[in-house]
């Protein structure tokens, strides 16, 4: 279970970095556009911080993508074994 928890921030960070580079934003530009401090982009990208819902929504707005699509990309990156029954 603990390993799964640590995979979530890493997967989110990878997705955030992919989306940011697709939109050709630097970390600083994305932070500014999202009205966030740069650490709210830098630390999640490195898997060192899990973003709040508010942060996800701000990042999504700046990236012009729905928060739902960000979460779906994270789920996809984590693979089919993410949800165990």
N, C-alpha and C. Protein backbone atom coordinates (compact mmCIF):
# COMPACT_ATOMS: atom_id res chain seq x y z
N UNK A 1 0.82 -1.19 0.00
CA UNK A 1 0.00 0.00 0.00
C UNK A 1 0.87 1.26 0.00
N UNK A 2 1.95 1.25 0.79
CA UNK A 2 2.80 2.42 0.87
C UNK A 2 3.45 2.73 -0.47
N UNK A 3 3.87 1.70 -1.19
CA UNK A 3 4.47 1.94 -2.50
C UNK A 3 3.48 2.61 -3.43
N UNK A 4 2.22 2.20 -3.38
CA UNK A 4 1.20 2.80 -4.22
C UNK A 4 1.07 4.29 -3.93
N UNK A 5 1.10 4.66 -2.64
CA UNK A 5 1.00 6.07 -2.27
C UNK A 5 2.16 6.87 -2.85
N UNK A 6 3.35 6.32 -2.86
CA UNK A 6 4.49 7.05 -3.39
C UNK A 6 4.46 7.12 -4.92
N UNK A 7 3.74 6.22 -5.56
CA UNK A 7 3.63 6.26 -7.02
C UNK A 7 2.75 7.41 -7.49
N UNK A 8 1.78 7.79 -6.69
CA UNK A 8 0.85 8.83 -7.11
C UNK A 8 1.57 10.16 -7.35
N UNK A 9 2.37 10.66 -6.39
CA UNK A 9 3.06 11.93 -6.66
C UNK A 9 4.01 11.85 -7.85
N UNK A 10 4.69 10.71 -8.01
CA UNK A 10 5.59 10.57 -9.16
C UNK A 10 4.82 10.62 -10.47
N UNK A 11 3.71 9.90 -10.53
CA UNK A 11 2.89 9.88 -11.75
C UNK A 11 2.33 11.26 -12.04
N UNK A 12 1.84 11.93 -11.00
CA UNK A 12 1.32 13.29 -11.20
C UNK A 12 2.42 14.20 -11.73
N UNK A 13 3.61 14.10 -11.15
CA UNK A 13 4.72 14.93 -11.59
C UNK A 13 5.09 14.71 -13.04
N UNK A 14 5.08 13.47 -13.46
CA UNK A 14 5.38 13.17 -14.87
C UNK A 14 4.32 13.76 -15.79
N UNK A 15 3.06 13.62 -15.40
CA UNK A 15 1.97 14.17 -16.21
C UNK A 15 2.06 15.69 -16.26
N UNK A 16 2.30 16.31 -15.12
CA UNK A 16 2.41 17.77 -15.09
C UNK A 16 3.55 18.25 -15.99
N UNK A 17 4.68 17.60 -15.91
CA UNK A 17 5.83 17.97 -16.76
C UNK A 17 5.49 17.81 -18.24
N UNK A 18 4.82 16.70 -18.59
CA UNK A 18 4.42 16.47 -19.98
C UNK A 18 3.48 17.57 -20.47
N UNK A 19 2.47 17.87 -19.67
CA UNK A 19 1.51 18.90 -20.07
C UNK A 19 2.18 20.27 -20.18
N UNK A 20 3.04 20.57 -19.24
CA UNK A 20 3.73 21.87 -19.25
C UNK A 20 4.60 22.01 -20.49
N UNK A 21 5.34 20.96 -20.83
CA UNK A 21 6.22 21.05 -22.00
C UNK A 21 5.42 21.03 -23.30
N UNK A 22 4.29 20.31 -23.32
CA UNK A 22 3.42 20.34 -24.50
C UNK A 22 2.93 21.75 -24.79
N UNK A 23 2.65 22.50 -23.73
CA UNK A 23 2.17 23.88 -23.87
C UNK A 23 3.31 24.89 -23.95
N UNK A 24 4.56 24.36 -23.90
CA UNK A 24 5.77 25.19 -24.01
C UNK A 24 5.88 26.24 -22.91
N UNK A 25 5.48 25.85 -21.72
CA UNK A 25 5.62 26.69 -20.54
C UNK A 25 6.90 26.31 -19.81
N UNK A 26 7.61 27.29 -19.29
CA UNK A 26 8.64 27.01 -18.30
C UNK A 26 7.91 26.80 -16.97
N UNK A 27 8.62 26.29 -15.98
CA UNK A 27 7.99 26.15 -14.67
C UNK A 27 7.55 27.52 -14.15
N UNK A 28 8.40 28.51 -14.33
CA UNK A 28 8.10 29.86 -13.87
C UNK A 28 6.87 30.42 -14.58
N UNK A 29 6.79 30.22 -15.89
CA UNK A 29 5.64 30.73 -16.64
C UNK A 29 4.35 30.05 -16.22
N UNK A 30 4.40 28.73 -16.01
CA UNK A 30 3.20 28.02 -15.57
C UNK A 30 2.77 28.49 -14.18
N UNK A 31 3.74 28.69 -13.30
CA UNK A 31 3.41 29.18 -11.96
C UNK A 31 2.75 30.56 -12.04
N UNK A 32 3.31 31.43 -12.84
CA UNK A 32 2.76 32.78 -12.99
C UNK A 32 1.36 32.72 -13.58
N UNK A 33 1.19 31.94 -14.62
CA UNK A 33 -0.12 31.81 -15.28
C UNK A 33 -1.15 31.18 -14.35
N UNK A 34 -0.71 30.33 -13.43
CA UNK A 34 -1.60 29.65 -12.49
C UNK A 34 -1.82 30.45 -11.21
N UNK A 35 -1.12 31.57 -11.09
CA UNK A 35 -1.17 32.38 -9.87
C UNK A 35 -0.69 31.58 -8.66
N UNK A 36 0.40 30.83 -8.87
CA UNK A 36 1.00 30.00 -7.83
C UNK A 36 2.47 30.34 -7.69
N UNK A 37 3.03 30.02 -6.56
CA UNK A 37 4.47 30.12 -6.36
C UNK A 37 5.13 29.01 -7.19
N UNK A 38 6.33 29.26 -7.67
CA UNK A 38 7.03 28.27 -8.51
C UNK A 38 7.17 26.92 -7.83
N UNK A 39 7.27 26.89 -6.50
CA UNK A 39 7.42 25.62 -5.80
C UNK A 39 6.21 24.71 -5.99
N UNK A 40 5.04 25.29 -6.31
CA UNK A 40 3.84 24.49 -6.55
C UNK A 40 3.87 23.82 -7.92
N UNK A 41 4.84 24.16 -8.74
CA UNK A 41 5.08 23.46 -10.01
C UNK A 41 6.31 22.57 -9.85
N UNK A 42 7.37 23.13 -9.31
CA UNK A 42 8.65 22.43 -9.20
C UNK A 42 8.55 21.17 -8.32
N UNK A 43 8.05 21.31 -7.11
CA UNK A 43 8.01 20.18 -6.18
C UNK A 43 7.09 19.05 -6.66
N UNK A 44 5.88 19.34 -7.15
CA UNK A 44 5.05 18.24 -7.68
C UNK A 44 5.70 17.55 -8.88
N UNK A 45 6.34 18.32 -9.76
CA UNK A 45 7.00 17.69 -10.91
C UNK A 45 8.07 16.70 -10.48
N UNK A 46 8.71 16.95 -9.36
CA UNK A 46 9.75 16.06 -8.85
C UNK A 46 9.16 14.94 -7.97
N UNK A 47 7.84 14.92 -7.81
CA UNK A 47 7.21 13.90 -7.00
C UNK A 47 7.40 14.13 -5.51
N UNK A 48 7.75 15.36 -5.13
CA UNK A 48 8.04 15.67 -3.74
C UNK A 48 6.87 16.33 -3.01
N UNK A 49 5.80 16.60 -3.70
CA UNK A 49 4.64 17.21 -3.07
C UNK A 49 3.40 16.80 -3.84
N UNK A 50 2.35 16.49 -3.09
CA UNK A 50 1.07 16.19 -3.72
C UNK A 50 0.25 17.48 -3.75
N UNK A 51 -0.27 17.84 -4.90
CA UNK A 51 -1.02 19.08 -5.00
C UNK A 51 -2.42 18.96 -4.38
N UNK A 52 -2.92 20.08 -3.92
CA UNK A 52 -4.29 20.13 -3.43
C UNK A 52 -5.24 20.21 -4.63
N UNK A 53 -6.52 20.04 -4.37
CA UNK A 53 -7.51 20.20 -5.44
C UNK A 53 -7.44 21.61 -6.01
N UNK A 54 -7.28 22.59 -5.14
CA UNK A 54 -7.20 23.98 -5.60
C UNK A 54 -6.03 24.15 -6.56
N UNK A 55 -4.89 23.58 -6.22
CA UNK A 55 -3.72 23.69 -7.08
C UNK A 55 -3.95 22.98 -8.42
N UNK A 56 -4.54 21.81 -8.38
CA UNK A 56 -4.84 21.09 -9.63
C UNK A 56 -5.75 21.92 -10.52
N UNK A 57 -6.76 22.54 -9.94
CA UNK A 57 -7.68 23.36 -10.72
C UNK A 57 -6.98 24.58 -11.31
N UNK A 58 -6.11 25.22 -10.53
CA UNK A 58 -5.37 26.38 -11.05
C UNK A 58 -4.43 25.98 -12.18
N UNK A 59 -3.73 24.87 -12.00
CA UNK A 59 -2.84 24.39 -13.06
C UNK A 59 -3.63 24.02 -14.32
N UNK A 60 -4.76 23.36 -14.12
CA UNK A 60 -5.59 22.95 -15.26
C UNK A 60 -6.07 24.16 -16.05
N UNK A 61 -6.49 25.19 -15.34
CA UNK A 61 -6.97 26.40 -16.02
C UNK A 61 -5.85 27.02 -16.86
N UNK A 62 -4.65 27.11 -16.28
CA UNK A 62 -3.52 27.68 -17.01
C UNK A 62 -3.13 26.83 -18.21
N UNK A 63 -3.26 25.51 -18.07
CA UNK A 63 -2.90 24.59 -19.15
C UNK A 63 -4.03 24.39 -20.16
N UNK A 64 -5.18 25.00 -19.85
CA UNK A 64 -6.36 24.89 -20.72
C UNK A 64 -6.77 23.43 -20.94
N UNK A 65 -6.88 22.74 -19.81
CA UNK A 65 -7.31 21.34 -19.80
C UNK A 65 -8.18 21.15 -18.57
N UNK A 66 -9.11 20.24 -18.62
CA UNK A 66 -9.95 20.03 -17.45
C UNK A 66 -9.17 19.28 -16.37
N UNK A 67 -9.45 19.57 -15.11
CA UNK A 67 -8.80 18.82 -14.03
C UNK A 67 -9.03 17.32 -14.17
N UNK A 68 -10.21 16.96 -14.65
CA UNK A 68 -10.56 15.56 -14.86
C UNK A 68 -9.58 14.89 -15.82
N UNK A 69 -9.20 15.58 -16.87
CA UNK A 69 -8.27 15.00 -17.84
C UNK A 69 -6.88 14.82 -17.25
N UNK A 70 -6.49 15.72 -16.36
CA UNK A 70 -5.20 15.56 -15.68
C UNK A 70 -5.23 14.28 -14.85
N UNK A 71 -6.28 14.11 -14.06
CA UNK A 71 -6.39 12.93 -13.20
C UNK A 71 -6.44 11.67 -14.04
N UNK A 72 -7.16 11.68 -15.14
CA UNK A 72 -7.23 10.51 -16.02
C UNK A 72 -5.84 10.15 -16.57
N UNK A 73 -5.05 11.17 -16.91
CA UNK A 73 -3.70 10.90 -17.41
C UNK A 73 -2.82 10.29 -16.32
N UNK A 74 -3.02 10.74 -15.09
CA UNK A 74 -2.27 10.17 -13.97
C UNK A 74 -2.66 8.70 -13.78
N UNK A 75 -3.97 8.43 -13.82
CA UNK A 75 -4.44 7.05 -13.69
C UNK A 75 -3.85 6.17 -14.79
N UNK A 76 -3.86 6.66 -16.01
CA UNK A 76 -3.33 5.90 -17.13
C UNK A 76 -1.84 5.63 -16.95
N UNK A 77 -1.11 6.63 -16.49
CA UNK A 77 0.33 6.47 -16.27
C UNK A 77 0.61 5.43 -15.19
N UNK A 78 -0.26 5.36 -14.19
CA UNK A 78 -0.07 4.40 -13.10
C UNK A 78 -0.42 2.98 -13.52
N UNK A 79 -1.19 2.83 -14.57
CA UNK A 79 -1.50 1.51 -15.08
C UNK A 79 -2.77 0.93 -14.55
N UNK A 80 -3.14 -0.18 -15.12
CA UNK A 80 -4.41 -0.84 -14.80
C UNK A 80 -4.44 -1.39 -13.39
N UNK A 81 -3.30 -1.64 -12.80
CA UNK A 81 -3.27 -2.23 -11.45
C UNK A 81 -3.45 -1.18 -10.36
N UNK A 82 -3.75 0.06 -10.74
CA UNK A 82 -3.91 1.11 -9.75
C UNK A 82 -5.02 0.79 -8.75
N UNK A 83 -6.16 0.37 -9.25
CA UNK A 83 -7.29 0.06 -8.38
C UNK A 83 -7.36 -1.45 -8.20
N UNK A 84 -7.19 -1.89 -7.00
CA UNK A 84 -7.26 -3.33 -6.69
C UNK A 84 -8.56 -3.62 -5.98
N UNK A 85 -9.15 -4.68 -6.35
CA UNK A 85 -10.42 -5.06 -5.73
C UNK A 85 -10.25 -6.28 -4.89
